[in-house]
Amino acid sequence: MTDSAAPGRGEDTDPVDWRRTDDGVRLFDPGNDDAWIEVEFEAGVDPEKRLFMVCPDCGAVAAQRTRPGRASVCADCGTEHSHEPRRARE
């Protein structure tokens, strides 16, 4: 199953293609067989360091194109998740 993430609001217009794996996701360029990475989900990783987000309620995986804000809504199950406020960079 191949899914394409929708472009971010005025950000990047090239879609990101990805496939869910047993432990995470594989991001790839469908036009270049050599351009891909595979990442595993590890519970407890700071959201600002993730390449993708995983809904804790339904397990849906979505490409994370920007830093997380104060809240997000899962596109699959509709659950709203609150996030810790961003800290100023040191």
PDB file of N, CA and C in Angstrom:
ATOM      1  N   MET A   1       0.841  -1.178   0.000  1.00  0.00           N
ATOM      2  CA  MET A   1       0.000   0.000   0.000  1.00  0.00           C
ATOM      3  C   MET A   1       0.886   1.242   0.000  1.00  0.00           C
ATOM      4  N   THR A   2       0.677   2.120  -0.922  1.00  0.00           N
ATOM      5  CA  THR A   2       1.445   3.358  -1.009  1.00  0.00           C
ATOM      6  C   THR A   2       0.526   4.533  -0.726  1.00  0.00           C
ATOM      7  N   ASP A   3       0.984   5.452   0.109  1.00  0.00           N
ATOM      8  CA  ASP A   3       0.222   6.649   0.434  1.00  0.00           C
ATOM      9  C   ASP A   3       1.082   7.852   0.096  1.00  0.00           C
ATOM     10  N   SER A   4       0.451   8.940  -0.300  1.00  0.00           N
ATOM     11  CA  SER A   4       1.172  10.184  -0.531  1.00  0.00           C
ATOM     12  C   SER A   4       0.688  11.198   0.481  1.00  0.00           C
ATOM     13  N   ALA A   5       1.611  11.830   1.166  1.00  0.00           N
ATOM     14  CA  ALA A   5       1.246  12.870   2.113  1.00  0.00           C
ATOM     15  C   ALA A   5       0.895  14.127   1.330  1.00  0.00           C
ATOM     16  N   ALA A   6      -0.136  14.821   1.766  1.00  0.00           N
ATOM     17  CA  ALA A   6      -0.545  16.056   1.103  1.00  0.00           C
ATOM     18  C   ALA A   6       0.492  17.136   1.369  1.00  0.00           C
ATOM     19  N   PRO A   7       0.753  18.013   0.406  1.00  0.00           N
ATOM     20  CA  PRO A   7       1.707  19.094   0.638  1.00  0.00           C
ATOM     21  C   PRO A   7       1.267  19.962   1.807  1.00  0.00           C
ATOM     22  N   GLY A   8       2.227  20.443   2.602  1.00  0.00           N
ATOM     23  CA  GLY A   8       1.922  21.328   3.712  1.00  0.00           C
ATOM     24  C   GLY A   8       1.398  22.649   3.192  1.00  0.00           C
ATOM     25  N   ARG A   9       0.688  23.336   3.997  1.00  0.00           N
ATOM     26  CA  ARG A   9       0.056  24.597   3.606  1.00  0.00           C
ATOM     27  C   ARG A   9       1.066  25.585   3.042  1.00  0.00           C
ATOM     28  N   GLY A  10       1.254  25.561   1.730  1.00  0.00           N
ATOM     29  CA  GLY A  10       2.156  26.494   1.088  1.00  0.00           C
ATOM     30  C   GLY A  10       3.628  26.187   1.303  1.00  0.00           C
ATOM     31  N   GLU A  11       3.942  25.052   1.876  1.00  0.00           N
ATOM     32  CA  GLU A  11       5.330  24.709   2.171  1.00  0.00           C
ATOM     33  C   GLU A  11       5.969  24.020   0.977  1.00  0.00           C
ATOM     34  N   ASP A  12       6.059  22.719   1.007  1.00  0.00           N
ATOM     35  CA  ASP A  12       6.695  21.931  -0.042  1.00  0.00           C
ATOM     36  C   ASP A  12       5.610  21.396  -0.970  1.00  0.00           C
ATOM     37  N   THR A  13       5.756  21.587  -2.260  1.00  0.00           N
ATOM     38  CA  THR A  13       4.720  21.137  -3.187  1.00  0.00           C
ATOM     39  C   THR A  13       4.967  19.735  -3.710  1.00  0.00           C
ATOM     40  N   ASP A  14       6.142  19.146  -3.422  1.00  0.00           N
ATOM     41  CA  ASP A  14       6.419  17.776  -3.840  1.00  0.00           C
ATOM     42  C   ASP A  14       5.855  16.810  -2.809  1.00  0.00           C
ATOM     43  N   PRO A  15       5.075  15.820  -3.239  1.00  0.00           N
ATOM     44  CA  PRO A  15       4.528  14.865  -2.269  1.00  0.00           C
ATOM     45  C   PRO A  15       5.621  13.950  -1.719  1.00  0.00           C
ATOM     46  N   VAL A  16       5.408  13.477  -0.512  1.00  0.00           N
ATOM     47  CA  VAL A  16       6.302  12.498   0.095  1.00  0.00           C
ATOM     48  C   VAL A  16       5.596  11.156   0.021  1.00  0.00           C
ATOM     49  N   ASP A  17       6.213  10.186  -0.634  1.00  0.00           N
ATOM     50  CA  ASP A  17       5.629   8.855  -0.705  1.00  0.00           C
ATOM     51  C   ASP A  17       6.205   8.019   0.424  1.00  0.00           C
ATOM     52  N   TRP A  18       5.357   7.198   1.033  1.00  0.00           N
ATOM     53  CA  TRP A  18       5.815   6.392   2.150  1.00  0.00           C
ATOM     54  C   TRP A  18       5.004   5.120   2.241  1.00  0.00           C
ATOM     55  N   ARG A  19       5.606   4.144   2.923  1.00  0.00           N
ATOM     56  CA  ARG A  19       4.933   2.881   3.217  1.00  0.00           C
ATOM     57  C   ARG A  19       5.131   2.579   4.685  1.00  0.00           C
ATOM     58  N   ARG A  20       4.111   2.079   5.303  1.00  0.00           N
ATOM     59  CA  ARG A  20       4.203   1.664   6.696  1.00  0.00           C
ATOM     60  C   ARG A  20       4.949   0.331   6.761  1.00  0.00           C
ATOM     61  N   THR A  21       5.850   0.197   7.712  1.00  0.00           N
ATOM     62  CA  THR A  21       6.553  -1.065   7.944  1.00  0.00           C
ATOM     63  C   THR A  21       6.108  -1.603   9.301  1.00  0.00           C
ATOM     64  N   ASP A  22       6.628  -2.745   9.706  1.00  0.00           N
ATOM     65  CA  ASP A  22       6.255  -3.311  11.003  1.00  0.00           C
ATOM     66  C   ASP A  22       6.626  -2.392  12.161  1.00  0.00           C
ATOM     67  N   ASP A  23       7.764  -1.695  12.050  1.00  0.00           N
ATOM     68  CA  ASP A  23       8.264  -0.875  13.150  1.00  0.00           C
ATOM     69  C   ASP A  23       8.239   0.623  12.897  1.00  0.00           C
ATOM     70  N   GLY A  24       7.884   1.071  11.706  1.00  0.00           N
ATOM     71  CA  GLY A  24       7.923   2.497  11.400  1.00  0.00           C
ATOM     72  C   GLY A  24       7.442   2.779  10.001  1.00  0.00           C
ATOM     73  N   VAL A  25       8.208   3.571   9.258  1.00  0.00           N
ATOM     74  CA  VAL A  25       7.836   3.932   7.892  1.00  0.00           C
ATOM     75  C   VAL A  25       9.058   3.938   6.980  1.00  0.00           C
ATOM     76  N   ARG A  26       8.814   3.793   5.688  1.00  0.00           N
ATOM     77  CA  ARG A  26       9.843   3.923   4.657  1.00  0.00           C
ATOM     78  C   ARG A  26       9.430   5.109   3.794  1.00  0.00           C
ATOM     79  N   LEU A  27      10.277   6.137   3.710  1.00  0.00           N
ATOM     80  CA  LEU A  27      10.041   7.313   2.872  1.00  0.00           C
ATOM     81  C   LEU A  27      10.856   7.135   1.603  1.00  0.00           C
ATOM     82  N   PHE A  28      10.257   7.452   0.439  1.00  0.00           N
ATOM     83  CA  PHE A  28      10.987   7.203  -0.800  1.00  0.00           C
ATOM     84  C   PHE A  28      10.544   8.127  -1.919  1.00  0.00           C
ATOM     85  N   ASP A  29      11.400   8.209  -2.939  1.00  0.00           N
ATOM     86  CA  ASP A  29      11.115   8.943  -4.167  1.00  0.00           C
ATOM     87  C   ASP A  29      10.758   7.899  -5.216  1.00  0.00           C
ATOM     88  N   PRO A  30       9.497   7.865  -5.686  1.00  0.00           N
ATOM     89  CA  PRO A  30       9.095   6.834  -6.642  1.00  0.00           C
ATOM     90  C   PRO A  30       9.837   6.911  -7.971  1.00  0.00           C
ATOM     91  N   GLY A  31      10.441   8.051  -8.268  1.00  0.00           N
ATOM     92  CA  GLY A  31      11.174   8.201  -9.521  1.00  0.00           C
ATOM     93  C   GLY A  31      12.637   7.802  -9.436  1.00  0.00           C
ATOM     94  N   ASN A  32      13.105   7.460  -8.231  1.00  0.00           N
ATOM     95  CA  ASN A  32      14.516   7.115  -8.043  1.00  0.00           C
ATOM     96  C   ASN A  32      14.608   5.956  -7.055  1.00  0.00           C
ATOM     97  N   ASP A  33      14.895   4.761  -7.548  1.00  0.00           N
ATOM     98  CA  ASP A  33      14.949   3.571  -6.696  1.00  0.00           C
ATOM     99  C   ASP A  33      16.010   3.657  -5.603  1.00  0.00           C
ATOM    100  N   ASP A  34      17.013   4.521  -5.771  1.00  0.00           N
ATOM    101  CA  ASP A  34      18.080   4.641  -4.783  1.00  0.00           C
ATOM    102  C   ASP A  34      17.790   5.689  -3.703  1.00  0.00           C
ATOM    103  N   ALA A  35      16.693   6.418  -3.829  1.00  0.00           N
ATOM    104  CA  ALA A  35      16.382   7.497  -2.889  1.00  0.00           C
ATOM    105  C   ALA A  35      15.294   7.055  -1.912  1.00  0.00           C
ATOM    106  N   TRP A  36      15.703   6.515  -0.770  1.00  0.00           N
ATOM    107  CA  TRP A  36      14.755   6.099   0.254  1.00  0.00           C
ATOM    108  C   TRP A  36      15.458   6.021   1.613  1.00  0.00           C
ATOM    109  N   ILE A  37      14.669   6.149   2.675  1.00  0.00           N
ATOM    110  CA  ILE A  37      15.150   5.907   4.033  1.00  0.00           C
ATOM    111  C   ILE A  37      14.081   5.117   4.767  1.00  0.00           C
ATOM    112  N   GLU A  38      14.495   4.358   5.756  1.00  0.00           N
ATOM    113  CA  GLU A  38      13.549   3.628   6.592  1.00  0.00           C
ATOM    114  C   GLU A  38      13.813   4.028   8.036  1.00  0.00           C
ATOM    115  N   VAL A  39      12.765   4.404   8.745  1.00  0.00           N
ATOM    116  CA  VAL A  39      12.901   4.830  10.135  1.00  0.00           C
ATOM    117  C   VAL A  39      11.962   4.009  11.006  1.00  0.00           C
ATOM    118  N   GLU A  40      12.401   3.750  12.237  1.00  0.00           N
ATOM    119  CA  GLU A  40      11.599   2.994  13.183  1.00  0.00           C
ATOM    120  C   GLU A  40      11.009   3.938  14.208  1.00  0.00           C
ATOM    121  N   PHE A  41       9.822   3.605  14.691  1.00  0.00           N
ATOM    122  CA  PHE A  41       9.192   4.388  15.749  1.00  0.00           C
ATOM    123  C   PHE A  41       9.716   3.919  17.092  1.00  0.00           C
ATOM    124  N   GLU A  42      10.150   4.862  17.904  1.00  0.00           N
ATOM    125  CA  GLU A  42      10.613   4.553  19.252  1.00  0.00           C
ATOM    126  C   GLU A  42       9.828   5.424  20.217  1.00  0.00           C
ATOM    127  N   ALA A  43       9.058   4.800  21.095  1.00  0.00           N
ATOM    128  CA  ALA A  43       8.240   5.545  22.049  1.00  0.00           C
ATOM    129  C   ALA A  43       9.121   6.456  22.897  1.00  0.00           C
ATOM    130  N   GLY A  44       8.639   7.662  23.150  1.00  0.00           N
ATOM    131  CA  GLY A  44       9.351   8.591  24.005  1.00  0.00           C
ATOM    132  C   GLY A  44      10.283   9.547  23.292  1.00  0.00           C
ATOM    133  N   VAL A  45      10.439   9.421  21.969  1.00  0.00           N
ATOM    134  CA  VAL A  45      11.307  10.338  21.224  1.00  0.00           C
ATOM    135  C   VAL A  45      10.629  11.703  21.150  1.00  0.00           C
ATOM    136  N   ASP A  46      11.384  12.751  21.389  1.00  0.00           N
ATOM    137  CA  ASP A  46      10.871  14.118  21.329  1.00  0.00           C
ATOM    138  C   ASP A  46      10.225  14.362  19.966  1.00  0.00           C
ATOM    139  N   PRO A  47       8.955  14.829  19.915  1.00  0.00           N
ATOM    140  CA  PRO A  47       8.268  15.031  18.631  1.00  0.00           C
ATOM    141  C   PRO A  47       9.027  15.902  17.640  1.00  0.00           C
ATOM    142  N   GLU A  48       9.845  16.841  18.121  1.00  0.00           N
ATOM    143  CA  GLU A  48      10.592  17.709  17.214  1.00  0.00           C
ATOM    144  C   GLU A  48      11.714  16.965  16.501  1.00  0.00           C
ATOM    145  N   LYS A  49      12.026  15.740  16.917  1.00  0.00           N
ATOM    146  CA  LYS A  49      13.088  14.960  16.298  1.00  0.00           C
ATOM    147  C   LYS A  49      12.545  13.820  15.446  1.00  0.00           C
ATOM    148  N   ARG A  50      11.225  13.734  15.297  1.00  0.00           N
ATOM    149  CA  ARG A  50      10.619  12.670  14.501  1.00  0.00           C
ATOM    150  C   ARG A  50      10.424  13.120  13.056  1.00  0.00           C
ATOM    151  N   LEU A  51      10.502  12.173  12.125  1.00  0.00           N
ATOM    152  CA  LEU A  51      10.192  12.444  10.719  1.00  0.00           C
ATOM    153  C   LEU A  51       8.727  12.174  10.422  1.00  0.00           C
ATOM    154  N   PHE A  52       8.045  11.527  11.350  1.00  0.00           N
ATOM    155  CA  PHE A  52       6.645  11.188  11.167  1.00  0.00           C
ATOM    156  C   PHE A  52       5.974  11.141  12.522  1.00  0.00           C
ATOM    157  N   MET A  53       4.655  11.196  12.530  1.00  0.00           N
ATOM    158  CA  MET A  53       3.889  11.117  13.768  1.00  0.00           C
ATOM    159  C   MET A  53       3.051   9.850  13.750  1.00  0.00           C
ATOM    160  N   VAL A  54       2.849   9.258  14.908  1.00  0.00           N
ATOM    161  CA  VAL A  54       2.025   8.071  15.054  1.00  0.00           C
ATOM    162  C   VAL A  54       0.912   8.407  16.032  1.00  0.00           C
ATOM    163  N   CYS A  55      -0.349   8.198  15.623  1.00  0.00           N
ATOM    164  CA  CYS A  55      -1.487   8.458  16.500  1.00  0.00           C
ATOM    165  C   CYS A  55      -1.508   7.389  17.593  1.00  0.00           C
ATOM    166  N   PRO A  56      -1.464   7.794  18.872  1.00  0.00           N
ATOM    167  CA  PRO A  56      -1.467   6.798  19.938  1.00  0.00           C
ATOM    168  C   PRO A  56      -2.807   6.078  20.082  1.00  0.00           C
ATOM    169  N   ASP A  57      -3.877   6.637  19.512  1.00  0.00           N
ATOM    170  CA  ASP A  57      -5.194   6.007  19.630  1.00  0.00           C
ATOM    171  C   ASP A  57      -5.443   4.943  18.573  1.00  0.00           C
ATOM    172  N   CYS A  58      -5.147   5.252  17.304  1.00  0.00           N
ATOM    173  CA  CYS A  58      -5.478   4.300  16.232  1.00  0.00           C
ATOM    174  C   CYS A  58      -4.246   3.730  15.529  1.00  0.00           C
ATOM    175  N   GLY A  59      -3.061   4.291  15.794  1.00  0.00           N
ATOM    176  CA  GLY A  59      -1.839   3.783  15.178  1.00  0.00           C
ATOM    177  C   GLY A  59      -1.554   4.328  13.792  1.00  0.00           C
ATOM    178  N   ALA A  60      -2.341   5.287  13.309  1.00  0.00           N
ATOM    179  CA  ALA A  60      -2.114   5.868  11.984  1.00  0.00           C
ATOM    180  C   ALA A  60      -0.750   6.557  11.946  1.00  0.00           C
ATOM    181  N   VAL A  61      -0.067   6.444  10.823  1.00  0.00           N
ATOM    182  CA  VAL A  61       1.247   7.057  10.636  1.00  0.00           C
ATOM    183  C   VAL A  61       1.107   8.166   9.602  1.00  0.00           C
ATOM    184  N   ALA A  62       1.638   9.353   9.908  1.00  0.00           N
ATOM    185  CA  ALA A  62       1.571  10.479   8.974  1.00  0.00           C
ATOM    186  C   ALA A  62       2.934  11.153   8.900  1.00  0.00           C
ATOM    187  N   ALA A  63       3.340  11.530   7.702  1.00  0.00           N
ATOM    188  CA  ALA A  63       4.595  12.264   7.534  1.00  0.00           C
ATOM    189  C   ALA A  63       4.498  13.583   8.286  1.00  0.00           C
ATOM    190  N   GLN A  64       5.542  13.943   9.016  1.00  0.00           N
ATOM    191  CA  GLN A  64       5.578  15.198   9.762  1.00  0.00           C
ATOM    192  C   GLN A  64       6.456  16.165   9.000  1.00  0.00           C
ATOM    193  N   ARG A  65       5.832  17.130   8.328  1.00  0.00           N
ATOM    194  CA  ARG A  65       6.562  18.021   7.444  1.00  0.00           C
ATOM    195  C   ARG A  65       7.072  19.273   8.150  1.00  0.00           C
ATOM    196  N   THR A  66       6.523  19.577   9.322  1.00  0.00           N
ATOM    197  CA  THR A  66       6.964  20.737  10.090  1.00  0.00           C
ATOM    198  C   THR A  66       7.031  20.357  11.563  1.00  0.00           C
ATOM    199  N   ARG A  67       7.575  21.232  12.381  1.00  0.00           N
ATOM    200  CA  ARG A  67       7.576  20.995  13.828  1.00  0.00           C
ATOM    201  C   ARG A  67       6.146  20.947  14.323  1.00  0.00           C
ATOM    202  N   PRO A  68       5.848  20.116  15.317  1.00  0.00           N
ATOM    203  CA  PRO A  68       4.481  20.056  15.829  1.00  0.00           C
ATOM    204  C   PRO A  68       4.091  21.354  16.521  1.00  0.00           C
ATOM    205  N   GLY A  69       2.823  21.696  16.429  1.00  0.00           N
ATOM    206  CA  GLY A  69       2.299  22.878  17.100  1.00  0.00           C
ATOM    207  C   GLY A  69       1.764  22.520  18.475  1.00  0.00           C
ATOM    208  N   ARG A  70       0.771  23.270  18.944  1.00  0.00           N
ATOM    209  CA  ARG A  70       0.210  23.029  20.273  1.00  0.00           C
ATOM    210  C   ARG A  70      -0.796  21.885  20.283  1.00  0.00           C
ATOM    211  N   ALA A  71      -1.329  21.532  19.113  1.00  0.00           N
ATOM    212  CA  ALA A  71      -2.303  20.439  19.032  1.00  0.00           C
ATOM    213  C   ALA A  71      -2.319  19.892  17.614  1.00  0.00           C
ATOM    214  N   SER A  72      -2.817  18.674  17.479  1.00  0.00           N
ATOM    215  CA  SER A  72      -2.979  18.072  16.160  1.00  0.00           C
ATOM    216  C   SER A  72      -4.228  17.208  16.181  1.00  0.00           C
ATOM    217  N   VAL A  73      -4.759  16.944  14.994  1.00  0.00           N
ATOM    218  CA  VAL A  73      -5.935  16.094  14.853  1.00  0.00           C
ATOM    219  C   VAL A  73      -5.572  14.964  13.908  1.00  0.00           C
ATOM    220  N   CYS A  74      -5.840  13.737  14.322  1.00  0.00           N
ATOM    221  CA  CYS A  74      -5.552  12.576  13.482  1.00  0.00           C
ATOM    222  C   CYS A  74      -6.518  12.565  12.305  1.00  0.00           C
ATOM    223  N   ALA A  75      -5.984  12.452  11.108  1.00  0.00           N
ATOM    224  CA  ALA A  75      -6.819  12.428   9.903  1.00  0.00           C
ATOM    225  C   ALA A  75      -7.597  11.126   9.782  1.00  0.00           C
ATOM    226  N   ASP A  76      -7.139  10.053  10.430  1.00  0.00           N
ATOM    227  CA  ASP A  76      -7.830   8.767  10.332  1.00  0.00           C
ATOM    228  C   ASP A  76      -8.971   8.632  11.330  1.00  0.00           C
ATOM    229  N   CYS A  77      -8.703   8.901  12.624  1.00  0.00           N
ATOM    230  CA  CYS A  77      -9.740   8.670  13.636  1.00  0.00           C
ATOM    231  C   CYS A  77     -10.368   9.953  14.173  1.00  0.00           C
ATOM    232  N   GLY A  78      -9.768  11.126  13.876  1.00  0.00           N
ATOM    233  CA  GLY A  78     -10.342  12.399  14.302  1.00  0.00           C
ATOM    234  C   GLY A  78     -10.012  12.804  15.730  1.00  0.00           C
ATOM    235  N   THR A  79      -9.212  12.024  16.439  1.00  0.00           N
ATOM    236  CA  THR A  79      -8.849  12.348  17.815  1.00  0.00           C
ATOM    237  C   THR A  79      -7.921  13.553  17.846  1.00  0.00           C
ATOM    238  N   GLU A  80      -8.218  14.504  18.755  1.00  0.00           N
ATOM    239  CA  GLU A  80      -7.356  15.673  18.906  1.00  0.00           C
ATOM    240  C   GLU A  80      -6.343  15.402  20.008  1.00  0.00           C
ATOM    241  N   HIS A  81      -5.087  15.749  19.737  1.00  0.00           N
ATOM    242  CA  HIS A  81      -4.004  15.533  20.690  1.00  0.00           C
ATOM    243  C   HIS A  81      -3.377  16.873  21.040  1.00  0.00           C
ATOM    244  N   SER A  82      -3.245  17.146  22.335  1.00  0.00           N
ATOM    245  CA  SER A  82      -2.557  18.354  22.798  1.00  0.00           C
ATOM    246  C   SER A  82      -1.075  18.048  22.919  1.00  0.00           C
ATOM    247  N   HIS A  83      -0.246  19.064  22.674  1.00  0.00           N
ATOM    248  CA  HIS A  83       1.201  18.901  22.762  1.00  0.00           C
ATOM    249  C   HIS A  83       1.748  19.911  23.750  1.00  0.00           C
ATOM    250  N   GLU A  84       2.908  19.599  24.299  1.00  0.00           N
ATOM    251  CA  GLU A  84       3.583  20.530  25.203  1.00  0.00           C
ATOM    252  C   GLU A  84       3.905  21.809  24.429  1.00  0.00           C
ATOM    253  N   PRO A  85       3.803  22.970  25.072  1.00  0.00           N
ATOM    254  CA  PRO A  85       4.174  24.211  24.377  1.00  0.00           C
ATOM    255  C   PRO A  85       5.635  24.167  23.946  1.00  0.00           C
ATOM    256  N   ARG A  86       5.934  24.810  22.836  1.00  0.00           N
ATOM    257  CA  ARG A  86       7.313  24.877  22.341  1.00  0.00           C
ATOM    258  C   ARG A  86       8.162  25.696  23.289  1.00  0.00           C
ATOM    259  N   ARG A  87       9.402  25.259  23.451  1.00  0.00           N
ATOM    260  CA  ARG A  87      10.352  25.994  24.277  1.00  0.00           C
ATOM    261  C   ARG A  87      11.228  26.851  23.384  1.00  0.00           C
ATOM    262  N   ALA A  88      11.658  27.986  23.901  1.00  0.00           N
ATOM    263  CA  ALA A  88      12.563  28.849  23.130  1.00  0.00           C
ATOM    264  C   ALA A  88      13.876  28.115  22.919  1.00  0.00           C
ATOM    265  N   ARG A  89      14.478  28.312  21.761  1.00  0.00           N
ATOM    266  CA  ARG A  89      15.775  27.677  21.477  1.00  0.00           C
ATOM    267  C   ARG A  89      16.846  28.290  22.352  1.00  0.00           C
ATOM    268  N   GLU A  90      17.724  27.437  22.840  1.00  0.00           N
ATOM    269  CA  GLU A  90      18.808  27.926  23.706  1.00  0.00           C
ATOM    270  C   GLU A  90      20.053  28.167  22.905  1.00  0.00           C
TER     271      GLU A  90
END
